[in-house]
Amino acid sequence: MPHPESHAPGAKGPGSRARARRRIIVPGIGPNSPEPAIELPSAAEVPAMPFEEFFLSAPPVANVDERYGVWAYFAIFALMLCSSAGVPFIGTFALGGGAVLASRGELDLAAVLVASILGGEIGGIVGYHIGFRWGRRIMERPGHRQEQRQRLLTRGEQLYQTWGRLAVFVTTAMISGAAHMKFSQFVVWNLITTTAFVLAVGPASYGAGKIAHGHHDATSIAFLVFGLAVAVVLIWFTRRRRRRDKPVTAAS
């Protein structure tokens, strides 16, 4: 006896499922039938694609920038922040290394420079507040190299008396805070100092990296010359101010 729901319209009983399965069976193709022959078009029938169009349509090759993403720039930012806050040298290595990677096409130079400037500015503000609150206590506390720390603090205060705001170029942010430099002035001059430092080290490292990898074009040489020129101007300015300051320091 047939199932009562097998003849109902819209029913999904066993009979309807069997009929649905029978409808999708294609004659001549089954588990025991030979595979149908597939005819491929000849080379003459395939439309030719220009090389330029094929090259432009190819997917881009992943590089270090895509592999690390924003973390590479965040690391440069963090190391520059720590360096400006008081940890020496690591900011220079981070900026120089990032610029060299940019010369190889693995990072973006503009992003490296921006991350370095932001890290240097924020790190300087952190170092300023540390010096403003605890700088004198840290410099004068008894212990290892107490005399050197006291001389460094005294020298920094003398520079701020004679150089004024320009002392930011040759003193640390902690000394600026310990000398109680006006905060609004420090923010502006620390940004100028950080930008000058980044524009000296970054382009010079980028140009040197380019030239080291065989790129002797005018752009690579211009980057190297520009960075070295900024560094020379900063060194010349600092030495000139120190020579002018020697008689004043001796008289005091």
Protein backbone atom coordinates (compact mmCIF):
# COMPACT_ATOMS: atom_id res chain seq x y z
CA MET A 1 0.00 0.00 0.00
CA PRO A 2 1.52 3.36 -0.99
CA HIS A 3 2.30 5.93 1.63
CA PRO A 4 -0.66 8.33 2.05
CA GLU A 5 1.58 11.42 1.88
CA SER A 6 3.47 10.33 -1.23
CA HIS A 7 0.75 11.69 -3.57
CA ALA A 8 0.01 14.89 -1.67
CA PRO A 9 1.09 18.05 -3.45
CA GLY A 10 4.24 19.53 -1.97
CA ALA A 11 4.85 16.43 0.13
CA LYS A 12 8.41 15.36 0.89
CA GLY A 13 7.97 11.69 1.56
CA PRO A 14 10.20 8.80 0.45
CA GLY A 15 8.58 8.65 -2.99
CA SER A 16 9.12 12.30 -3.75
CA ARG A 17 12.78 12.04 -2.69
CA ALA A 18 13.27 9.07 -4.99
CA ARG A 19 11.70 10.97 -7.89
CA ALA A 20 13.94 14.00 -7.12
CA ARG A 21 16.96 11.76 -7.20
CA ARG A 22 15.90 10.22 -10.50
CA ARG A 23 15.51 13.64 -12.13
CA ILE A 24 19.19 14.64 -11.69
CA ILE A 25 20.61 11.43 -13.20
CA VAL A 26 22.30 12.21 -16.54
CA PRO A 27 22.38 9.32 -19.02
CA GLY A 28 25.82 8.17 -20.08
CA ILE A 29 27.64 9.50 -17.02
CA GLY A 30 27.98 7.24 -14.06
CA PRO A 31 30.53 5.48 -11.92
CA ASN A 32 31.19 2.80 -14.61
CA SER A 33 30.99 5.02 -17.69
CA PRO A 34 34.12 6.35 -19.39
CA GLU A 35 35.10 9.97 -18.77
CA PRO A 36 33.81 12.31 -21.45
CA ALA A 37 36.39 13.78 -23.77
CA ILE A 38 37.08 17.48 -23.27
CA GLU A 39 38.24 19.47 -26.24
CA LEU A 40 40.68 22.28 -25.42
CA PRO A 41 40.89 25.30 -27.72
CA SER A 42 43.98 25.58 -29.85
CA ALA A 43 46.55 28.30 -29.31
CA ALA A 44 45.26 30.17 -32.33
CA GLU A 45 41.76 30.36 -30.81
CA VAL A 46 42.97 31.85 -27.49
CA PRO A 47 43.03 35.67 -27.63
CA ALA A 48 46.53 37.04 -27.07
CA MET A 49 47.02 39.30 -24.01
CA PRO A 50 49.62 42.06 -24.17
CA PHE A 51 52.53 41.64 -21.75
CA GLU A 52 51.84 44.97 -20.04
CA GLU A 53 48.21 44.01 -19.35
CA PHE A 54 49.27 40.62 -17.99
CA PHE A 55 51.91 42.24 -15.76
CA LEU A 56 49.52 44.83 -14.36
CA SER A 57 46.81 42.25 -13.69
CA ALA A 58 49.15 40.01 -11.69
CA PRO A 59 48.58 40.07 -7.91
CA PRO A 60 51.18 42.04 -5.93
CA VAL A 61 53.91 40.15 -4.15
CA ALA A 62 53.72 40.36 -0.37
CA ASN A 63 56.60 42.31 1.23
CA VAL A 64 57.74 42.97 4.78
CA ASP A 65 55.34 45.90 5.11
CA GLU A 66 52.38 43.63 4.34
CA ARG A 67 53.77 40.86 6.52
CA TYR A 68 54.28 42.94 9.67
CA GLY A 69 51.70 45.62 8.95
CA VAL A 70 51.49 48.46 11.42
CA TRP A 71 53.62 46.63 14.00
CA ALA A 72 56.89 47.63 12.30
CA TYR A 73 55.98 51.31 12.59
CA PHE A 74 54.68 50.85 16.12
CA ALA A 75 58.04 49.33 17.14
CA ILE A 76 59.88 52.35 15.69
CA PHE A 77 57.47 54.66 17.51
CA ALA A 78 57.95 52.84 20.83
CA LEU A 79 61.75 52.76 20.60
CA MET A 80 61.90 56.46 19.71
CA LEU A 81 59.59 57.20 22.66
CA CYS A 82 61.85 55.32 25.07
CA SER A 83 64.94 56.99 23.66
CA SER A 84 63.53 60.50 24.02
CA ALA A 85 62.32 59.67 27.52
CA GLY A 86 65.87 58.86 28.61
CA VAL A 87 67.07 55.50 27.20
CA PRO A 88 70.09 56.35 25.00
CA PHE A 89 70.89 55.23 21.44
CA ILE A 90 67.94 52.89 20.76
CA GLY A 91 65.98 55.58 18.93
CA THR A 92 68.86 56.22 16.54
CA PHE A 93 69.17 52.52 15.73
CA ALA A 94 65.39 52.15 15.27
CA LEU A 95 65.15 55.16 12.96
CA GLY A 96 68.24 54.21 10.96
CA GLY A 97 67.17 50.58 10.64
CA GLY A 98 63.66 51.54 9.55
CA ALA A 99 65.05 53.90 6.90
CA VAL A 100 67.36 51.19 5.56
CA LEU A 101 64.41 48.79 5.30
CA ALA A 102 62.52 51.52 3.46
CA SER A 103 65.41 51.83 1.00
CA ARG A 104 64.90 48.15 0.16
CA GLY A 105 61.20 48.66 -0.45
CA GLU A 106 60.15 46.79 2.69
CA LEU A 107 58.79 49.80 4.61
CA ASP A 108 57.43 53.20 3.69
CA LEU A 109 59.93 55.99 4.37
CA ALA A 110 57.29 58.65 5.07
CA ALA A 111 55.60 56.40 7.64
CA VAL A 112 58.97 55.67 9.29
CA LEU A 113 59.71 59.39 9.61
CA VAL A 114 56.24 60.23 10.96
CA ALA A 115 56.36 57.40 13.52
CA SER A 116 59.81 58.56 14.64
CA ILE A 117 58.76 62.19 15.05
CA LEU A 118 55.64 61.26 17.01
CA GLY A 119 57.57 58.86 19.23
CA GLY A 120 60.29 61.43 19.87
CA GLU A 121 57.80 64.16 20.75
CA ILE A 122 55.73 62.01 23.12
CA GLY A 123 58.84 60.46 24.67
CA GLY A 124 60.27 63.94 25.25
CA ILE A 125 57.10 64.98 27.06
CA VAL A 126 57.32 61.88 29.26
CA GLY A 127 60.99 62.59 30.04
CA TYR A 128 60.18 66.24 30.79
CA HIS A 129 57.55 65.30 33.38
CA ILE A 130 59.90 62.77 34.98
CA GLY A 131 62.59 65.44 35.27
CA PHE A 132 60.14 68.06 36.48
CA ARG A 133 58.84 65.84 39.29
CA TRP A 134 61.82 63.68 40.27
CA GLY A 135 64.76 64.88 38.16
CA ARG A 136 66.72 66.70 40.87
CA ARG A 137 66.08 63.88 43.34
CA ILE A 138 67.33 61.32 40.79
CA MET A 139 70.42 63.34 39.86
CA GLU A 140 71.45 64.13 43.43
CA ARG A 141 70.71 60.82 45.11
CA PRO A 142 73.74 59.10 46.69
CA GLY A 143 75.18 56.12 44.89
CA HIS A 144 77.02 55.16 41.73
CA ARG A 145 78.26 58.15 39.64
CA GLN A 146 76.68 60.70 41.95
CA GLU A 147 79.28 63.36 41.10
CA GLN A 148 78.80 62.85 37.34
CA ARG A 149 75.04 63.17 37.68
CA GLN A 150 75.37 66.35 39.73
CA ARG A 151 77.76 67.86 37.18
CA LEU A 152 75.36 66.95 34.38
CA LEU A 153 72.50 68.68 36.18
CA THR A 154 74.61 71.77 36.91
CA ARG A 155 75.79 71.93 33.31
CA GLY A 156 72.21 71.63 32.04
CA GLU A 157 71.01 74.45 34.25
CA GLN A 158 73.88 76.65 33.05
CA LEU A 159 72.98 75.93 29.43
CA TYR A 160 69.40 76.97 30.03
CA GLN A 161 70.58 80.19 31.63
CA THR A 162 72.79 81.08 28.66
CA TRP A 163 71.10 79.35 25.68
CA GLY A 164 67.48 79.65 26.75
CA ARG A 165 65.13 77.52 24.62
CA LEU A 166 67.94 76.40 22.31
CA ALA A 167 69.36 74.29 25.14
CA VAL A 168 66.80 71.64 24.16
CA PHE A 169 69.10 70.77 21.24
CA VAL A 170 71.94 69.61 23.53
CA THR A 171 70.21 68.44 26.73
CA THR A 172 67.91 65.56 27.53
CA ALA A 173 64.22 65.98 28.21
CA MET A 174 64.77 65.04 31.84
CA ILE A 175 67.26 67.90 32.26
CA SER A 176 64.75 70.26 30.63
CA GLY A 177 62.18 69.26 33.22
CA ALA A 178 64.63 69.44 36.10
CA ALA A 179 65.63 72.94 34.98
CA HIS A 180 61.91 73.87 35.06
CA MET A 181 61.76 75.03 31.47
CA LYS A 182 58.32 76.31 30.59
CA PHE A 183 56.29 73.34 29.37
CA SER A 184 54.66 75.08 26.40
CA GLN A 185 58.09 76.20 25.17
CA PHE A 186 59.52 72.73 25.67
CA VAL A 187 56.76 71.09 23.59
CA VAL A 188 57.47 73.39 20.62
CA TRP A 189 61.27 73.22 20.79
CA ASN A 190 61.33 69.50 21.46
CA LEU A 191 59.25 69.01 18.30
CA ILE A 192 61.71 71.15 16.33
CA THR A 193 64.67 69.23 17.75
CA THR A 194 63.10 65.83 17.10
CA THR A 195 62.14 66.77 13.55
CA ALA A 196 65.67 68.00 12.80
CA PHE A 197 67.16 64.79 14.22
CA VAL A 198 64.78 62.57 12.22
CA LEU A 199 65.41 64.51 9.00
CA ALA A 200 69.16 64.04 9.52
CA VAL A 201 69.27 60.33 10.36
CA GLY A 202 66.30 59.10 8.28
CA PRO A 203 67.13 60.42 4.79
CA ALA A 204 70.87 59.78 5.26
CA SER A 205 70.23 56.14 6.21
CA TYR A 206 67.74 55.77 3.36
CA GLY A 207 70.18 57.15 0.79
CA ALA A 208 73.05 55.06 2.16
CA GLY A 209 70.91 51.93 1.98
CA LYS A 210 69.95 52.68 -1.61
CA ILE A 211 73.56 53.27 -2.68
CA ALA A 212 74.75 50.14 -0.83
CA HIS A 213 72.27 48.08 -2.89
CA GLY A 214 73.56 49.49 -6.17
CA HIS A 215 71.12 52.37 -6.72
CA HIS A 216 73.38 55.26 -7.71
CA ASP A 217 70.62 57.43 -9.13
CA ALA A 218 70.24 61.12 -8.39
CA THR A 219 67.35 60.58 -5.93
CA SER A 220 69.32 58.19 -3.71
CA ILE A 221 72.32 60.50 -3.67
CA ALA A 222 70.07 63.49 -2.91
CA PHE A 223 68.58 61.71 0.13
CA LEU A 224 72.06 60.94 1.46
CA VAL A 225 73.35 64.47 0.86
CA PHE A 226 70.24 66.05 2.41
CA GLY A 227 70.50 63.99 5.60
CA LEU A 228 74.22 64.65 5.95
CA ALA A 229 73.67 68.37 5.34
CA VAL A 230 71.10 68.57 8.15
CA ALA A 231 73.46 66.69 10.47
CA VAL A 232 76.37 69.02 9.60
CA VAL A 233 74.24 72.11 10.26
CA LEU A 234 73.15 70.75 13.66
CA ILE A 235 76.74 69.89 14.66
CA TRP A 236 78.03 73.27 13.45
CA PHE A 237 75.32 75.13 15.34
CA THR A 238 75.99 73.22 18.56
CA ARG A 239 79.77 73.68 18.43
CA ARG A 240 79.38 77.36 17.61
CA ARG A 241 77.10 77.95 20.58
CA ARG A 242 79.45 76.07 22.89
CA ARG A 243 82.46 78.13 21.78
CA ARG A 244 80.50 81.32 22.42
CA ASP A 245 79.40 79.98 25.80
CA LYS A 246 82.89 79.11 27.12
CA PRO A 247 83.90 82.64 28.21
CA VAL A 248 80.56 83.10 29.98
CA THR A 249 80.92 79.81 31.83
CA ALA A 250 84.51 80.55 32.82
CA ALA A 251 83.58 84.00 34.11
CA SER A 252 80.75 82.62 36.21
